Amino acid sequence: MATAVAGTVFIAAGAFWLSFTALADLARRSGVDAGQAWAWPLIVDGIIVVATVAVVALAGQPSAWYPWVLLAAGAVVSVTANAIHAVVAADADVPAVLAASVAAVPPLVLLAITHLTVILTRPLPTPIPERPSERNAEPAVAPVPTGREVAVLLREEEGWSNKQIARHLGVHPSTVGRWFARPILTGLDAEETP
């Protein structure tokens, strides 16, 4: 990931520099003072960088249309101005279309690579743990009846004797006798263990 980010920053810096020098020269040729010509490419290509960051930051928001408009406008101005500079400054033996095409590459790369850099450096969203829906939830486990509760059911519903119940539950018959001699309590008594 660090290599990808470093690579995108390096490419963005190169694209910015090529576009910057062409736009600064075009500004000088257009009558902007040489001491101020550096500001024009900074404004034109700077809006691409800032708008790209804003587009990614505002993704999905209703106000995201505005940075998209700025991004598109900045890209059109930068690509057009770089192409014009190439036509104006090109050698006579280089076709104007070729010079304009070559000059359009840096601002387009700047646009694409800035967007990629912002995406790569953006923190990943934290996944929200899924809640099981009611129909997908595991059914509630019924509590396991105690030995005393099973003994009561076997005596009342099946008519089993204390010996039959004791054999079935793996306890001594006297334990079953004590269960029926006193009221049913909740939980296990120490005597209920086999």
Protein backbone atom coordinates (compact mmCIF):
# COMPACT_ATOMS: atom_id res chain seq x y z
CA MET A 1 0.00 0.00 0.00
CA ALA A 2 2.82 2.40 0.87
CA THR A 3 4.50 1.68 -2.47
CA ALA A 4 1.25 2.44 -4.33
CA VAL A 5 0.80 5.72 -2.47
CA ALA A 6 4.43 6.71 -3.04
CA GLY A 7 4.11 5.86 -6.74
CA THR A 8 0.94 7.91 -7.16
CA VAL A 9 2.45 10.89 -5.37
CA PHE A 10 5.58 10.67 -7.55
CA ILE A 11 3.53 10.50 -10.78
CA ALA A 12 1.24 13.31 -9.60
CA ALA A 13 4.25 15.51 -8.87
CA GLY A 14 5.68 14.85 -12.35
CA ALA A 15 2.36 15.52 -14.08
CA PHE A 16 1.86 18.67 -12.03
CA TRP A 17 5.37 19.92 -12.90
CA LEU A 18 4.95 19.36 -16.65
CA SER A 19 1.55 21.02 -16.68
CA PHE A 20 2.80 23.80 -14.39
CA THR A 21 5.72 24.76 -16.62
CA ALA A 22 3.58 24.73 -19.78
CA LEU A 23 0.84 26.85 -18.18
CA ALA A 24 3.34 29.28 -16.66
CA ASP A 25 4.96 29.75 -20.09
CA LEU A 26 1.52 30.24 -21.68
CA ALA A 27 0.68 32.84 -19.03
CA ARG A 28 3.95 34.71 -19.80
CA ARG A 29 3.25 34.54 -23.56
CA SER A 30 -0.25 35.88 -22.85
CA GLY A 31 1.10 39.01 -21.16
CA VAL A 32 1.15 37.97 -17.49
CA ASP A 33 4.24 39.38 -15.76
CA ALA A 34 7.00 36.76 -15.44
CA GLY A 35 7.05 37.21 -11.63
CA GLN A 36 3.33 36.36 -11.43
CA ALA A 37 3.03 33.76 -14.18
CA TRP A 38 3.63 30.93 -11.69
CA ALA A 39 0.30 31.68 -9.97
CA TRP A 40 -1.85 30.90 -13.02
CA PRO A 41 -0.89 27.18 -13.29
CA LEU A 42 -1.08 26.89 -9.53
CA ILE A 43 -4.70 28.09 -9.67
CA VAL A 44 -5.69 25.98 -12.69
CA ASP A 45 -4.05 22.70 -11.63
CA GLY A 46 -4.56 23.41 -7.94
CA ILE A 47 -8.32 23.39 -8.43
CA ILE A 48 -8.03 19.88 -9.91
CA VAL A 49 -6.22 18.60 -6.82
CA VAL A 50 -8.52 20.32 -4.29
CA ALA A 51 -11.72 19.40 -6.16
CA THR A 52 -10.61 15.75 -6.42
CA VAL A 53 -10.08 15.57 -2.66
CA ALA A 54 -13.49 17.21 -2.12
CA VAL A 55 -15.22 14.79 -4.52
CA VAL A 56 -13.88 11.79 -2.61
CA ALA A 57 -14.61 13.35 0.79
CA LEU A 58 -18.19 14.27 -0.14
CA ALA A 59 -19.00 11.03 -2.00
CA GLY A 60 -22.70 10.28 -1.65
CA GLN A 61 -23.56 13.72 -0.24
CA PRO A 62 -26.08 15.97 -2.01
CA SER A 63 -23.50 18.77 -2.16
CA ALA A 64 -20.98 16.59 -4.06
CA TRP A 65 -22.13 18.06 -7.39
CA TYR A 66 -20.23 21.30 -6.75
CA PRO A 67 -16.72 19.79 -6.44
CA TRP A 68 -17.54 17.68 -9.52
CA VAL A 69 -18.30 20.87 -11.49
CA LEU A 70 -15.06 22.48 -10.26
CA LEU A 71 -13.11 19.33 -11.12
CA ALA A 72 -14.54 19.19 -14.63
CA ALA A 73 -13.99 22.91 -15.25
CA GLY A 74 -10.42 22.78 -13.93
CA ALA A 75 -9.64 19.74 -16.08
CA VAL A 76 -11.08 21.35 -19.24
CA VAL A 77 -9.13 24.59 -18.69
CA SER A 78 -5.89 22.76 -17.89
CA VAL A 79 -6.08 20.32 -20.82
CA THR A 80 -7.10 23.07 -23.27
CA ALA A 81 -4.41 25.49 -22.07
CA ASN A 82 -1.71 22.80 -22.20
CA ALA A 83 -2.78 21.90 -25.75
CA ILE A 84 -2.78 25.55 -26.82
CA HIS A 85 0.68 26.04 -25.33
CA ALA A 86 1.96 23.02 -27.25
CA VAL A 87 0.59 24.37 -30.53
CA VAL A 88 2.07 27.82 -29.88
CA ALA A 89 5.46 26.57 -28.70
CA ALA A 90 5.84 23.50 -30.97
CA ASP A 91 8.53 23.15 -33.62
CA ALA A 92 7.39 23.57 -37.19
CA ASP A 93 8.18 19.94 -38.02
CA VAL A 94 5.81 18.56 -35.29
CA PRO A 95 2.15 18.40 -36.28
CA ALA A 96 -0.05 20.60 -34.09
CA VAL A 97 -2.42 17.72 -33.26
CA LEU A 98 0.48 15.61 -32.01
CA ALA A 99 1.91 18.45 -29.93
CA ALA A 100 -1.54 19.19 -28.43
CA SER A 101 -2.14 15.50 -27.67
CA VAL A 102 1.20 15.11 -25.92
CA ALA A 103 0.60 18.29 -23.92
CA ALA A 104 -2.86 17.12 -22.82
CA VAL A 105 -1.45 14.03 -21.09
CA PRO A 106 0.03 15.70 -17.94
CA PRO A 107 -3.17 17.45 -16.82
CA LEU A 108 -5.23 14.31 -17.50
CA VAL A 109 -2.75 12.18 -15.56
CA LEU A 110 -2.78 14.76 -12.78
CA LEU A 111 -6.55 14.47 -12.63
CA ALA A 112 -6.58 10.66 -12.55
CA ILE A 113 -3.60 10.15 -10.25
CA THR A 114 -4.77 12.72 -7.70
CA HIS A 115 -8.07 10.89 -7.46
CA LEU A 116 -6.26 7.57 -7.05
CA THR A 117 -3.95 8.99 -4.37
CA VAL A 118 -6.90 10.29 -2.36
CA ILE A 119 -8.66 6.93 -2.60
CA LEU A 120 -5.52 5.04 -1.52
CA THR A 121 -4.90 7.28 1.49
CA ARG A 122 -8.53 7.34 2.59
CA PRO A 123 -9.15 5.25 5.72
CA LEU A 124 -11.11 2.08 5.14
CA PRO A 125 -14.60 2.03 6.59
CA THR A 126 -15.04 0.04 9.76
CA PRO A 127 -17.32 -2.90 9.07
CA ILE A 128 -20.51 -2.92 11.12
CA PRO A 129 -21.13 -6.29 12.72
CA GLU A 130 -24.20 -7.92 11.32
CA ARG A 131 -27.13 -8.59 13.62
CA PRO A 132 -28.87 -11.84 12.96
CA SER A 133 -32.41 -11.28 11.80
CA GLU A 134 -35.25 -12.92 13.63
CA ARG A 135 -35.70 -15.60 10.98
CA ASN A 136 -31.95 -16.31 10.78
CA ALA A 137 -31.37 -16.24 14.52
CA GLU A 138 -30.69 -19.51 16.22
CA PRO A 139 -33.69 -20.78 18.15
CA ALA A 140 -33.62 -20.26 21.87
CA VAL A 141 -32.44 -23.36 23.67
CA ALA A 142 -34.96 -24.69 26.16
CA PRO A 143 -33.55 -25.13 29.64
CA VAL A 144 -32.61 -28.69 30.49
CA PRO A 145 -34.90 -30.02 33.21
CA THR A 146 -33.29 -31.03 36.48
CA GLY A 147 -33.36 -34.59 37.74
CA ARG A 148 -36.09 -33.67 40.20
CA GLU A 149 -38.26 -32.16 37.43
CA VAL A 150 -37.84 -35.29 35.28
CA ALA A 151 -38.70 -37.46 38.27
CA VAL A 152 -41.94 -35.54 38.85
CA LEU A 153 -42.92 -35.91 35.18
CA LEU A 154 -42.12 -39.63 35.15
CA ARG A 155 -44.15 -40.27 38.34
CA GLU A 156 -47.15 -38.09 37.47
CA GLU A 157 -47.45 -38.79 33.75
CA GLU A 158 -45.96 -42.29 33.42
CA GLY A 159 -46.67 -43.68 36.88
CA TRP A 160 -43.11 -44.89 37.42
CA SER A 161 -41.90 -46.06 40.81
CA ASN A 162 -39.01 -44.47 42.73
CA LYS A 163 -36.76 -47.43 41.74
CA GLN A 164 -37.61 -47.05 38.03
CA ILE A 165 -36.99 -43.30 38.19
CA ALA A 166 -33.71 -43.78 40.09
CA ARG A 167 -32.49 -46.35 37.54
CA HIS A 168 -33.46 -44.08 34.63
CA LEU A 169 -31.77 -40.99 36.12
CA GLY A 170 -28.75 -42.86 37.50
CA VAL A 171 -29.33 -41.82 41.13
CA HIS A 172 -29.96 -43.80 44.32
CA PRO A 173 -33.62 -44.61 45.07
CA SER A 174 -33.34 -42.81 48.43
CA THR A 175 -32.49 -39.59 46.53
CA VAL A 176 -35.72 -39.91 44.55
CA GLY A 177 -37.57 -40.57 47.79
CA ARG A 178 -36.20 -37.34 49.32
CA TRP A 179 -37.25 -35.37 46.22
CA PHE A 180 -40.86 -36.38 46.79
CA ALA A 181 -40.72 -36.05 50.58
CA ARG A 182 -40.12 -32.27 50.50
CA PRO A 183 -41.38 -29.44 48.28
CA ILE A 184 -39.77 -29.02 44.87
CA LEU A 185 -36.98 -26.48 45.09
CA THR A 186 -35.28 -24.64 42.27
CA GLY A 187 -31.73 -25.60 41.42
CA LEU A 188 -29.79 -28.71 42.28
CA ASP A 189 -29.17 -29.93 45.80
CA ALA A 190 -25.87 -31.47 46.66
CA GLU A 191 -27.72 -34.78 47.07
CA GLU A 192 -29.00 -34.66 43.48
CA THR A 193 -25.63 -35.41 41.98
CA PRO A 194 -25.28 -39.04 40.91
